[in-house]
Amino acid sequence: MAIKTINDLNRKFTEIEQLATSERNKAIVEYCQNNNTIKIGDVVTDRLGSIKVEKVRAASMGLGVYECRYFGLELTKKGQPKKSNASRWVYQSNLKD
């Protein structure tokens, strides 16, 4: 498409911005996946307790910090699902060693 008007130029800028955002998001996901050791089905623990991981997602923590976050069913101290069937997210930076 030839850029002949200011509207054409603005449309082209929008296309470029959308492509850049998409590529940026792909790079963030790749970075997070390459720095992740937790798999679906693993049990992870933070200061609030433990969950059994059902989903792993990339998360932006702001200021150029990216990490994984894990979603799953909360577990009791014995490792059983809580009666409430509560689920929550746990951030990679909050994991206990």
Protein backbone atom coordinates (compact mmCIF):
# COMPACT_ATOMS: atom_id res chain seq x y z
CA MET A 1 0.00 0.00 0.00
CA ALA A 2 1.37 3.36 -1.00
CA ILE A 3 1.51 5.99 1.72
CA LYS A 4 -0.04 9.09 0.14
CA THR A 5 -1.96 10.75 2.95
CA ILE A 6 -1.51 11.43 6.64
CA ASN A 7 -4.22 8.81 7.31
CA ASP A 8 -2.21 6.24 5.35
CA LEU A 9 0.86 7.15 7.38
CA ASN A 10 -1.02 6.85 10.68
CA ARG A 11 -2.40 3.45 9.64
CA LYS A 12 1.13 2.30 8.82
CA PHE A 13 2.36 3.52 12.23
CA THR A 14 -0.46 1.58 13.91
CA GLU A 15 0.49 -1.59 12.00
CA ILE A 16 4.13 -1.20 13.01
CA GLU A 17 3.23 -0.62 16.66
CA GLN A 18 0.97 -3.69 16.71
CA LEU A 19 3.68 -5.84 15.16
CA ALA A 20 6.27 -4.51 17.62
CA THR A 21 3.97 -5.22 20.58
CA SER A 22 3.33 -8.74 19.34
CA GLU A 23 7.05 -9.46 18.86
CA ARG A 24 7.87 -7.93 22.26
CA ASN A 25 5.30 -10.17 23.96
CA LYS A 26 6.70 -13.25 22.19
CA ALA A 27 10.21 -12.36 23.39
CA ILE A 28 8.97 -11.92 26.98
CA VAL A 29 7.24 -15.32 26.92
CA GLU A 30 10.36 -16.97 25.47
CA TYR A 31 12.56 -15.35 28.14
CA CYS A 32 10.22 -16.48 30.93
CA GLN A 33 9.98 -20.02 29.58
CA ASN A 34 13.77 -20.28 29.31
CA ASN A 35 14.17 -19.18 32.94
CA ASN A 36 11.47 -21.45 34.36
CA THR A 37 12.09 -24.77 36.09
CA ILE A 38 8.51 -25.38 37.29
CA LYS A 39 6.20 -27.65 35.29
CA ILE A 40 2.45 -28.24 35.37
CA GLY A 41 1.70 -30.68 38.17
CA ASP A 42 4.57 -29.49 40.38
CA VAL A 43 3.88 -28.24 43.89
CA VAL A 44 5.29 -24.79 44.68
CA THR A 45 5.34 -22.91 47.97
CA ASP A 46 5.40 -19.22 48.84
CA ARG A 47 4.83 -17.37 52.12
CA LEU A 48 1.08 -18.06 51.94
CA GLY A 49 1.29 -21.80 51.41
CA SER A 50 1.47 -24.30 48.58
CA ILE A 51 -0.32 -24.83 45.28
CA LYS A 52 -0.33 -27.57 42.68
CA VAL A 53 0.54 -25.83 39.41
CA GLU A 54 -2.16 -25.94 36.71
CA LYS A 55 -1.04 -22.99 34.53
CA VAL A 56 2.24 -21.18 33.90
CA ARG A 57 2.17 -17.64 32.46
CA ALA A 58 4.66 -14.86 31.79
CA ALA A 59 4.27 -11.76 33.95
CA SER A 60 5.65 -8.23 33.78
CA MET A 61 6.70 -6.96 37.18
CA GLY A 62 7.43 -3.46 35.87
CA LEU A 63 10.74 -1.69 35.33
CA GLY A 64 11.83 -4.32 32.81
CA VAL A 65 11.47 -7.28 35.19
CA TYR A 66 9.76 -10.37 33.79
CA GLU A 67 9.08 -13.72 35.45
CA CYS A 68 6.68 -16.63 35.52
CA ARG A 69 3.56 -16.81 37.60
CA TYR A 70 1.89 -20.06 38.52
CA PHE A 71 -1.80 -20.74 39.00
CA GLY A 72 -3.14 -23.67 40.90
CA LEU A 73 -5.26 -25.23 43.58
CA GLU A 74 -4.26 -24.38 47.14
CA LEU A 75 -3.05 -27.31 49.22
CA THR A 76 -3.15 -28.07 52.94
CA LYS A 77 0.04 -28.67 54.92
CA LYS A 78 -0.50 -32.39 54.24
CA GLY A 79 -0.47 -31.72 50.47
CA GLN A 80 -4.19 -32.30 49.93
CA PRO A 81 -6.50 -29.83 48.13
CA LYS A 82 -8.22 -27.47 50.56
CA LYS A 83 -11.92 -28.15 51.14
CA SER A 84 -12.74 -24.70 49.76
CA ASN A 85 -11.14 -25.63 46.40
CA ALA A 86 -9.50 -22.19 46.43
CA SER A 87 -7.04 -21.37 43.66
CA ARG A 88 -4.53 -18.55 43.39
CA TRP A 89 -1.48 -17.20 41.58
CA VAL A 90 2.10 -17.50 42.89
CA TYR A 91 4.88 -15.38 41.41
CA GLN A 92 8.29 -16.89 40.66
CA SER A 93 10.05 -14.26 42.77
CA ASN A 94 7.94 -15.29 45.80
CA LEU A 95 8.84 -18.98 45.70
CA LYS A 96 10.46 -20.46 48.78
CA ASP A 97 13.67 -22.38 48.16
